[in-house]
Amino acid sequence: MTDRTDQALDTDLAHVGAEIGRADTKAALLVGLAGAALAVTGGAVKDYSLPAAAQITGGLGAATLVEAIVTLLLVVRPALGGSARHSWPHWATCTPEQVREQLREDRRAERLCDMARLASRKMHGIRRAVHLLLGGIGLLTFAALAAITPA
C-alpha cells in the first residue's frame, strides 16, 4: 500500500470509531430522556380518572416511548459475536503467538468496512428511535389535551 492509502485508512478508521462512540452517546442520552418522559407520564396520570380518549391515546404514546427505548437499547447492545479476524472478540480466543502472526496481515480495509456497517446500523436505529419518540410525544400531547378538554 502507498503511504497515502495507509494514512487514509488510519484516518477513516479513527473517524468511524469516533462516529460509533457518538452514536452510543446519543443513544444513551435518548434512553435517559425517554425513560424520564415515561416516568413523568406515569406519575402524572396514576391518580386521575381520565376520559377514554385520553387513556387510549396516552397508552399508545407510552407504548411508543417503550418501543423507542427498546430500539435504543439495541443500538448500544454490545456486539460480542464477532468472528472477524480483526475484531477484539476474535483476539480474545487467540494466543499471543497467533495474534503476532495475524497482525502481519494488513486488515484495516476489512476492519473499516465492518466498523462502517456497525456505525450505519447504530445511526439507523437512532433515527428510528427519534421518529418513535416524536410520535410518542405527539400522542402524549393529544392525550393531555383530551384529558383537559371538557366533554
N, C-alpha and C. Protein backbone atom coordinates (compact mmCIF):
# COMPACT_ATOMS: atom_id res chain seq x y z
N MET A 1 0.84 -1.19 0.00
CA MET A 1 0.00 0.00 0.00
C MET A 1 0.88 1.24 0.00
N THR A 2 0.34 2.28 -0.56
CA THR A 2 1.08 3.53 -0.57
C THR A 2 0.94 4.25 0.76
N ASP A 3 1.82 5.19 1.00
CA ASP A 3 1.73 5.98 2.23
C ASP A 3 0.40 6.71 2.30
N ARG A 4 -0.07 7.16 1.14
CA ARG A 4 -1.35 7.89 1.10
C ARG A 4 -2.51 6.97 1.49
N THR A 5 -2.50 5.75 0.99
CA THR A 5 -3.55 4.79 1.32
C THR A 5 -3.49 4.43 2.80
N ASP A 6 -2.29 4.20 3.30
CA ASP A 6 -2.13 3.90 4.73
C ASP A 6 -2.70 5.02 5.59
N GLN A 7 -2.35 6.24 5.24
CA GLN A 7 -2.82 7.39 6.01
C GLN A 7 -4.34 7.51 5.93
N ALA A 8 -4.90 7.29 4.73
CA ALA A 8 -6.35 7.38 4.56
C ALA A 8 -7.06 6.31 5.38
N LEU A 9 -6.54 5.10 5.37
CA LEU A 9 -7.15 4.03 6.17
C LEU A 9 -7.12 4.36 7.65
N ASP A 10 -5.98 4.82 8.13
CA ASP A 10 -5.87 5.18 9.55
C ASP A 10 -6.82 6.31 9.91
N THR A 11 -6.90 7.32 9.05
CA THR A 11 -7.78 8.46 9.30
C THR A 11 -9.24 8.02 9.32
N ASP A 12 -9.62 7.21 8.33
CA ASP A 12 -11.02 6.78 8.26
C ASP A 12 -11.39 5.83 9.39
N LEU A 13 -10.47 4.98 9.80
CA LEU A 13 -10.73 4.11 10.95
C LEU A 13 -10.98 4.94 12.20
N ALA A 14 -10.18 5.96 12.40
CA ALA A 14 -10.38 6.83 13.57
C ALA A 14 -11.71 7.57 13.47
N HIS A 15 -12.05 8.04 12.27
CA HIS A 15 -13.30 8.78 12.09
C HIS A 15 -14.51 7.88 12.37
N VAL A 16 -14.52 6.69 11.80
CA VAL A 16 -15.66 5.79 12.00
C VAL A 16 -15.73 5.34 13.46
N GLY A 17 -14.59 5.12 14.09
CA GLY A 17 -14.59 4.78 15.51
C GLY A 17 -15.21 5.88 16.35
N ALA A 18 -14.89 7.12 16.00
CA ALA A 18 -15.49 8.26 16.72
C ALA A 18 -16.99 8.34 16.47
N GLU A 19 -17.43 8.04 15.26
CA GLU A 19 -18.87 8.04 14.96
C GLU A 19 -19.60 6.98 15.77
N ILE A 20 -18.99 5.83 15.94
CA ILE A 20 -19.60 4.78 16.77
C ILE A 20 -19.72 5.26 18.21
N GLY A 21 -18.70 5.91 18.71
CA GLY A 21 -18.77 6.48 20.06
C GLY A 21 -19.85 7.53 20.19
N ARG A 22 -19.98 8.39 19.18
CA ARG A 22 -21.03 9.41 19.21
C ARG A 22 -22.42 8.78 19.16
N ALA A 23 -22.56 7.72 18.37
CA ALA A 23 -23.86 7.04 18.29
C ALA A 23 -24.24 6.46 19.65
N ASP A 24 -23.29 5.83 20.32
CA ASP A 24 -23.58 5.27 21.64
C ASP A 24 -23.94 6.36 22.65
N THR A 25 -23.25 7.49 22.57
CA THR A 25 -23.55 8.61 23.47
C THR A 25 -24.95 9.16 23.21
N LYS A 26 -25.29 9.34 21.94
CA LYS A 26 -26.63 9.83 21.58
C LYS A 26 -27.70 8.86 22.07
N ALA A 27 -27.49 7.58 21.83
CA ALA A 27 -28.48 6.58 22.23
C ALA A 27 -28.66 6.57 23.74
N ALA A 28 -27.57 6.65 24.48
CA ALA A 28 -27.67 6.65 25.95
C ALA A 28 -28.42 7.88 26.44
N LEU A 29 -28.15 9.03 25.85
CA LEU A 29 -28.84 10.25 26.23
C LEU A 29 -30.34 10.14 25.93
N LEU A 30 -30.67 9.62 24.77
CA LEU A 30 -32.08 9.48 24.40
C LEU A 30 -32.81 8.46 25.27
N VAL A 31 -32.12 7.39 25.67
CA VAL A 31 -32.74 6.42 26.59
C VAL A 31 -33.10 7.12 27.90
N GLY A 32 -32.19 7.93 28.41
CA GLY A 32 -32.46 8.66 29.65
C GLY A 32 -33.63 9.61 29.52
N LEU A 33 -33.66 10.35 28.42
CA LEU A 33 -34.76 11.30 28.21
C LEU A 33 -36.10 10.58 28.05
N ALA A 34 -36.10 9.50 27.27
CA ALA A 34 -37.34 8.76 27.06
C ALA A 34 -37.81 8.12 28.36
N GLY A 35 -36.88 7.58 29.12
CA GLY A 35 -37.24 6.98 30.41
C GLY A 35 -37.81 8.01 31.36
N ALA A 36 -37.22 9.20 31.37
CA ALA A 36 -37.73 10.27 32.23
C ALA A 36 -39.12 10.69 31.79
N ALA A 37 -39.33 10.81 30.49
CA ALA A 37 -40.66 11.18 29.98
C ALA A 37 -41.69 10.13 30.37
N LEU A 38 -41.31 8.87 30.28
CA LEU A 38 -42.22 7.79 30.65
C LEU A 38 -42.53 7.83 32.14
N ALA A 39 -41.53 8.08 32.96
CA ALA A 39 -41.74 8.16 34.41
C ALA A 39 -42.64 9.33 34.78
N VAL A 40 -42.42 10.48 34.15
CA VAL A 40 -43.25 11.65 34.42
C VAL A 40 -44.69 11.38 34.00
N THR A 41 -44.85 10.75 32.85
CA THR A 41 -46.20 10.43 32.36
C THR A 41 -46.91 9.50 33.33
N GLY A 42 -46.21 8.46 33.75
CA GLY A 42 -46.82 7.52 34.70
C GLY A 42 -47.17 8.18 36.02
N GLY A 43 -46.31 9.03 36.50
CA GLY A 43 -46.57 9.73 37.75
C GLY A 43 -47.70 10.73 37.64
N ALA A 44 -47.84 11.34 36.48
CA ALA A 44 -48.85 12.38 36.30
C ALA A 44 -50.26 11.81 36.19
N VAL A 45 -50.39 10.60 35.71
CA VAL A 45 -51.74 10.08 35.46
C VAL A 45 -52.20 9.02 36.46
N LYS A 46 -51.36 8.63 37.39
CA LYS A 46 -51.73 7.50 38.24
C LYS A 46 -52.94 7.76 39.13
N ASP A 47 -53.18 9.00 39.50
CA ASP A 47 -54.27 9.29 40.42
C ASP A 47 -55.49 9.92 39.76
N TYR A 48 -55.51 9.96 38.46
CA TYR A 48 -56.60 10.66 37.77
C TYR A 48 -57.51 9.68 37.04
N SER A 49 -58.78 10.04 37.02
CA SER A 49 -59.74 9.31 36.21
C SER A 49 -59.83 10.05 34.88
N LEU A 50 -59.25 9.47 33.86
CA LEU A 50 -59.17 10.15 32.57
C LEU A 50 -60.26 9.68 31.62
N PRO A 51 -60.66 10.54 30.69
CA PRO A 51 -61.60 10.12 29.65
C PRO A 51 -60.99 9.00 28.81
N ALA A 52 -61.84 8.22 28.19
CA ALA A 52 -61.37 7.07 27.39
C ALA A 52 -60.40 7.50 26.30
N ALA A 53 -60.70 8.62 25.63
CA ALA A 53 -59.81 9.08 24.55
C ALA A 53 -58.41 9.37 25.08
N ALA A 54 -58.33 9.98 26.26
CA ALA A 54 -57.03 10.28 26.85
C ALA A 54 -56.31 9.00 27.28
N GLN A 55 -57.06 8.03 27.80
CA GLN A 55 -56.45 6.77 28.22
C GLN A 55 -55.86 6.02 27.02
N ILE A 56 -56.65 5.95 25.95
CA ILE A 56 -56.20 5.22 24.76
C ILE A 56 -55.00 5.91 24.12
N THR A 57 -55.12 7.20 23.91
CA THR A 57 -54.03 7.95 23.27
C THR A 57 -52.79 7.95 24.16
N GLY A 58 -52.97 8.11 25.45
CA GLY A 58 -51.84 8.08 26.38
C GLY A 58 -51.18 6.72 26.42
N GLY A 59 -51.99 5.67 26.40
CA GLY A 59 -51.43 4.31 26.38
C GLY A 59 -50.62 4.05 25.13
N LEU A 60 -51.13 4.52 23.99
CA LEU A 60 -50.38 4.37 22.74
C LEU A 60 -49.09 5.18 22.78
N GLY A 61 -49.16 6.38 23.35
CA GLY A 61 -47.96 7.21 23.47
C GLY A 61 -46.91 6.55 24.36
N ALA A 62 -47.36 6.01 25.49
CA ALA A 62 -46.43 5.33 26.40
C ALA A 62 -45.82 4.09 25.74
N ALA A 63 -46.64 3.33 25.01
CA ALA A 63 -46.13 2.15 24.31
C ALA A 63 -45.11 2.54 23.25
N THR A 64 -45.34 3.66 22.59
CA THR A 64 -44.40 4.13 21.58
C THR A 64 -43.08 4.54 22.23
N LEU A 65 -43.14 5.17 23.39
CA LEU A 65 -41.91 5.51 24.12
C LEU A 65 -41.15 4.25 24.54
N VAL A 66 -41.87 3.24 24.97
CA VAL A 66 -41.22 1.97 25.35
C VAL A 66 -40.53 1.35 24.13
N GLU A 67 -41.20 1.39 22.98
CA GLU A 67 -40.59 0.85 21.76
C GLU A 67 -39.32 1.63 21.40
N ALA A 68 -39.36 2.93 21.57
CA ALA A 68 -38.17 3.75 21.31
C ALA A 68 -37.03 3.36 22.25
N ILE A 69 -37.35 3.14 23.51
CA ILE A 69 -36.33 2.76 24.49
C ILE A 69 -35.71 1.41 24.12
N VAL A 70 -36.54 0.46 23.73
CA VAL A 70 -36.03 -0.86 23.32
C VAL A 70 -35.13 -0.72 22.10
N THR A 71 -35.55 0.09 21.14
CA THR A 71 -34.73 0.32 19.94
C THR A 71 -33.37 0.91 20.32
N LEU A 72 -33.37 1.87 21.23
CA LEU A 72 -32.12 2.50 21.66
C LEU A 72 -31.23 1.52 22.43
N LEU A 73 -31.85 0.67 23.23
CA LEU A 73 -31.06 -0.33 23.96
C LEU A 73 -30.40 -1.31 22.99
N LEU A 74 -31.08 -1.63 21.90
CA LEU A 74 -30.48 -2.49 20.89
C LEU A 74 -29.32 -1.79 20.18
N VAL A 75 -29.39 -0.46 20.08
CA VAL A 75 -28.30 0.31 19.47
C VAL A 75 -27.03 0.19 20.32
N VAL A 76 -27.17 0.28 21.63
CA VAL A 76 -25.98 0.27 22.49
C VAL A 76 -25.58 -1.14 22.95
N ARG A 77 -26.37 -2.13 22.59
CA ARG A 77 -26.07 -3.51 22.97
C ARG A 77 -24.74 -3.94 22.34
N PRO A 78 -23.83 -4.48 23.13
CA PRO A 78 -22.53 -4.87 22.57
C PRO A 78 -22.65 -6.01 21.57
N ALA A 79 -21.88 -5.91 20.51
CA ALA A 79 -21.81 -6.98 19.51
C ALA A 79 -20.64 -7.89 19.89
N LEU A 80 -20.94 -9.01 20.50
CA LEU A 80 -19.89 -9.89 21.01
C LEU A 80 -19.65 -11.10 20.14
N GLY A 81 -20.42 -11.27 19.09
CA GLY A 81 -20.28 -12.46 18.26
C GLY A 81 -19.31 -12.29 17.12
N GLY A 82 -18.43 -11.30 17.20
CA GLY A 82 -17.54 -11.03 16.08
C GLY A 82 -16.53 -12.14 15.86
N SER A 83 -16.62 -12.78 14.71
CA SER A 83 -15.65 -13.81 14.38
C SER A 83 -14.63 -13.29 13.38
N ALA A 84 -14.76 -12.04 12.96
CA ALA A 84 -13.82 -11.46 12.01
C ALA A 84 -12.43 -11.46 12.64
N ARG A 85 -11.43 -11.75 11.85
CA ARG A 85 -10.08 -11.91 12.38
C ARG A 85 -9.45 -10.61 12.85
N HIS A 86 -10.13 -9.50 12.69
CA HIS A 86 -9.60 -8.22 13.14
C HIS A 86 -10.41 -7.64 14.30
N SER A 87 -11.32 -8.43 14.85
CA SER A 87 -12.18 -7.92 15.92
C SER A 87 -11.64 -8.36 17.29
N TRP A 88 -11.95 -7.57 18.30
CA TRP A 88 -11.46 -7.93 19.64
C TRP A 88 -12.05 -9.23 20.17
N PRO A 89 -13.30 -9.60 19.85
CA PRO A 89 -13.76 -10.92 20.32
C PRO A 89 -12.90 -12.06 19.75
N HIS A 90 -12.42 -11.86 18.52
CA HIS A 90 -11.54 -12.88 17.94
C HIS A 90 -10.21 -12.93 18.69
N TRP A 91 -9.65 -11.75 18.98
CA TRP A 91 -8.36 -11.72 19.69
C TRP A 91 -8.47 -12.39 21.05
N ALA A 92 -9.62 -12.33 21.67
CA ALA A 92 -9.80 -12.94 22.99
C ALA A 92 -9.66 -14.46 22.94
N THR A 93 -9.80 -15.04 21.76
CA THR A 93 -9.69 -16.50 21.62
C THR A 93 -8.29 -16.94 21.18
N CYS A 94 -7.40 -15.99 20.96
CA CYS A 94 -6.08 -16.29 20.40
C CYS A 94 -5.00 -16.34 21.48
N THR A 95 -3.94 -17.02 21.13
CA THR A 95 -2.73 -16.98 21.95
C THR A 95 -1.90 -15.77 21.49
N PRO A 96 -0.96 -15.34 22.30
CA PRO A 96 -0.10 -14.23 21.86
C PRO A 96 0.62 -14.53 20.53
N GLU A 97 1.02 -15.76 20.33
CA GLU A 97 1.70 -16.13 19.08
C GLU A 97 0.75 -15.98 17.89
N GLN A 98 -0.50 -16.42 18.06
CA GLN A 98 -1.48 -16.28 16.98
C GLN A 98 -1.74 -14.81 16.67
N VAL A 99 -1.80 -13.99 17.69
CA VAL A 99 -2.02 -12.55 17.48
C VAL A 99 -0.87 -11.97 16.66
N ARG A 100 0.37 -12.27 17.04
CA ARG A 100 1.52 -11.75 16.30
C ARG A 100 1.49 -12.19 14.84
N GLU A 101 1.16 -13.44 14.62
CA GLU A 101 1.10 -13.97 13.25
C GLU A 101 0.01 -13.25 12.44
N GLN A 102 -1.15 -13.10 13.03
CA GLN A 102 -2.26 -12.48 12.29
C GLN A 102 -2.06 -10.98 12.09
N LEU A 103 -1.33 -10.34 12.97
CA LEU A 103 -1.09 -8.90 12.81
C LEU A 103 -0.13 -8.59 11.67
N ARG A 104 0.52 -9.59 11.16
CA ARG A 104 1.39 -9.37 9.99
C ARG A 104 0.57 -9.05 8.75
N GLU A 105 -0.69 -9.45 8.76
CA GLU A 105 -1.58 -9.15 7.63
C GLU A 105 -2.27 -7.82 7.88
N ASP A 106 -2.32 -6.99 6.86
CA ASP A 106 -2.99 -5.69 6.98
C ASP A 106 -4.49 -5.89 6.73
N ARG A 107 -5.27 -5.80 7.77
CA ARG A 107 -6.72 -6.00 7.66
C ARG A 107 -7.49 -4.71 7.94
N ARG A 108 -6.85 -3.57 7.79
CA ARG A 108 -7.52 -2.30 8.08
C ARG A 108 -8.72 -2.05 7.17
N ALA A 109 -8.62 -2.43 5.91
CA ALA A 109 -9.75 -2.20 4.99
C ALA A 109 -10.97 -3.02 5.43
N GLU A 110 -10.75 -4.28 5.81
CA GLU A 110 -11.86 -5.11 6.28
C GLU A 110 -12.44 -4.55 7.58
N ARG A 111 -11.54 -4.11 8.46
CA ARG A 111 -11.99 -3.52 9.73
C ARG A 111 -12.80 -2.26 9.48
N LEU A 112 -12.35 -1.44 8.55
CA LEU A 112 -13.08 -0.21 8.22
C LEU A 112 -14.48 -0.54 7.71
N CYS A 113 -14.59 -1.53 6.83
CA CYS A 113 -15.91 -1.92 6.32
C CYS A 113 -16.82 -2.40 7.45
N ASP A 114 -16.30 -3.24 8.33
CA ASP A 114 -17.11 -3.75 9.44
C ASP A 114 -17.53 -2.63 10.38
N MET A 115 -16.60 -1.73 10.69
CA MET A 115 -16.92 -0.62 11.58
C MET A 115 -17.94 0.32 10.95
N ALA A 116 -17.82 0.55 9.64
CA ALA A 116 -18.77 1.43 8.96
C ALA A 116 -20.17 0.81 8.97
N ARG A 117 -20.25 -0.50 8.79
CA ARG A 117 -21.56 -1.18 8.86
C ARG A 117 -22.16 -1.05 10.26
N LEU A 118 -21.33 -1.21 11.27
CA LEU A 118 -21.80 -1.07 12.65
C LEU A 118 -22.29 0.35 12.91
N ALA A 119 -21.51 1.34 12.48
CA ALA A 119 -21.92 2.74 12.66
C ALA A 119 -23.23 3.02 11.94
N SER A 120 -23.38 2.48 10.75
CA SER A 120 -24.61 2.68 9.98
C SER A 120 -25.81 2.06 10.69
N ARG A 121 -25.64 0.83 11.20
CA ARG A 121 -26.74 0.19 11.94
C ARG A 121 -27.13 1.01 13.16
N LYS A 122 -26.14 1.49 13.88
CA LYS A 122 -26.42 2.29 15.07
C LYS A 122 -27.16 3.58 14.71
N MET A 123 -26.70 4.28 13.70
CA MET A 123 -27.33 5.55 13.32
C MET A 123 -28.75 5.33 12.79
N HIS A 124 -28.95 4.26 12.04
CA HIS A 124 -30.32 3.96 11.57
C HIS A 124 -31.24 3.64 12.75
N GLY A 125 -30.72 2.92 13.74
CA GLY A 125 -31.51 2.63 14.94
C GLY A 125 -31.86 3.90 15.70
N ILE A 126 -30.90 4.81 15.81
CA ILE A 126 -31.16 6.08 16.49
C ILE A 126 -32.21 6.88 15.73
N ARG A 127 -32.09 6.90 14.42
CA ARG A 127 -33.07 7.64 13.60
C ARG A 127 -34.48 7.07 13.82
N ARG A 128 -34.59 5.75 13.82
CA ARG A 128 -35.90 5.11 14.05
C ARG A 128 -36.42 5.47 15.44
N ALA A 129 -35.55 5.42 16.43
CA ALA A 129 -35.96 5.73 17.80
C ALA A 129 -36.41 7.18 17.92
N VAL A 130 -35.73 8.10 17.25
CA VAL A 130 -36.14 9.51 17.29
C VAL A 130 -37.52 9.66 16.68
N HIS A 131 -37.79 8.98 15.58
CA HIS A 131 -39.13 9.03 14.99
C HIS A 131 -40.18 8.50 15.97
N LEU A 132 -39.85 7.41 16.65
CA LEU A 132 -40.77 6.86 17.65
C LEU A 132 -40.97 7.83 18.80
N LEU A 133 -39.89 8.45 19.26
CA LEU A 133 -40.00 9.43 20.35
C LEU A 133 -40.89 10.60 19.95
N LEU A 134 -40.71 11.09 18.75
CA LEU A 134 -41.55 12.20 18.28
C LEU A 134 -43.02 11.77 18.22
N GLY A 135 -43.27 10.56 17.72
CA GLY A 135 -44.64 10.06 17.68
C GLY A 135 -45.22 9.88 19.07
N GLY A 136 -44.43 9.33 19.98
CA GLY A 136 -44.89 9.14 21.36
C GLY A 136 -45.19 10.45 22.05
N ILE A 137 -44.33 11.43 21.85
CA ILE A 137 -44.56 12.75 22.44
C ILE A 137 -45.82 13.38 21.87
N GLY A 138 -46.01 13.22 20.57
CA GLY A 138 -47.24 13.73 19.94
C GLY A 138 -48.48 13.08 20.52
N LEU A 139 -48.45 11.77 20.66
CA LEU A 139 -49.59 11.06 21.24
C LEU A 139 -49.85 11.48 22.68
N LEU A 140 -48.79 11.65 23.45
CA LEU A 140 -48.97 12.10 24.84
C LEU A 140 -49.51 13.52 24.90
N THR A 141 -49.13 14.35 23.95
CA THR A 141 -49.68 15.71 23.89
C THR A 141 -51.18 15.66 23.61
N PHE A 142 -51.57 14.82 22.66
CA PHE A 142 -53.01 14.67 22.37
C PHE A 142 -53.75 14.11 23.59
N ALA A 143 -53.12 13.18 24.29
CA ALA A 143 -53.76 12.62 25.49
C ALA A 143 -53.96 13.70 26.55
N ALA A 144 -52.96 14.55 26.72
CA ALA A 144 -53.08 15.64 27.70
C ALA A 144 -54.20 16.60 27.30
N LEU A 145 -54.27 16.91 26.02
CA LEU A 145 -55.35 17.79 25.54
C LEU A 145 -56.72 17.15 25.73
N ALA A 146 -56.80 15.84 25.46
CA ALA A 146 -58.07 15.14 25.65
C ALA A 146 -58.45 15.10 27.13
N ALA A 147 -57.46 15.06 28.01
CA ALA A 147 -57.74 15.00 29.44
C ALA A 147 -58.24 16.33 29.99
N ILE A 148 -57.79 17.44 29.42
CA ILE A 148 -58.17 18.75 29.97
C ILE A 148 -59.31 19.41 29.21
N THR A 149 -59.67 18.85 28.06
CA THR A 149 -60.77 19.42 27.28
C THR A 149 -62.09 18.93 27.85
N PRO A 150 -63.01 19.86 28.16
CA PRO A 150 -64.31 19.43 28.68
C PRO A 150 -65.08 18.61 27.64
N ALA A 151 -65.79 17.63 28.12
CA ALA A 151 -66.55 16.75 27.23
C ALA A 151 -67.76 17.41 26.65
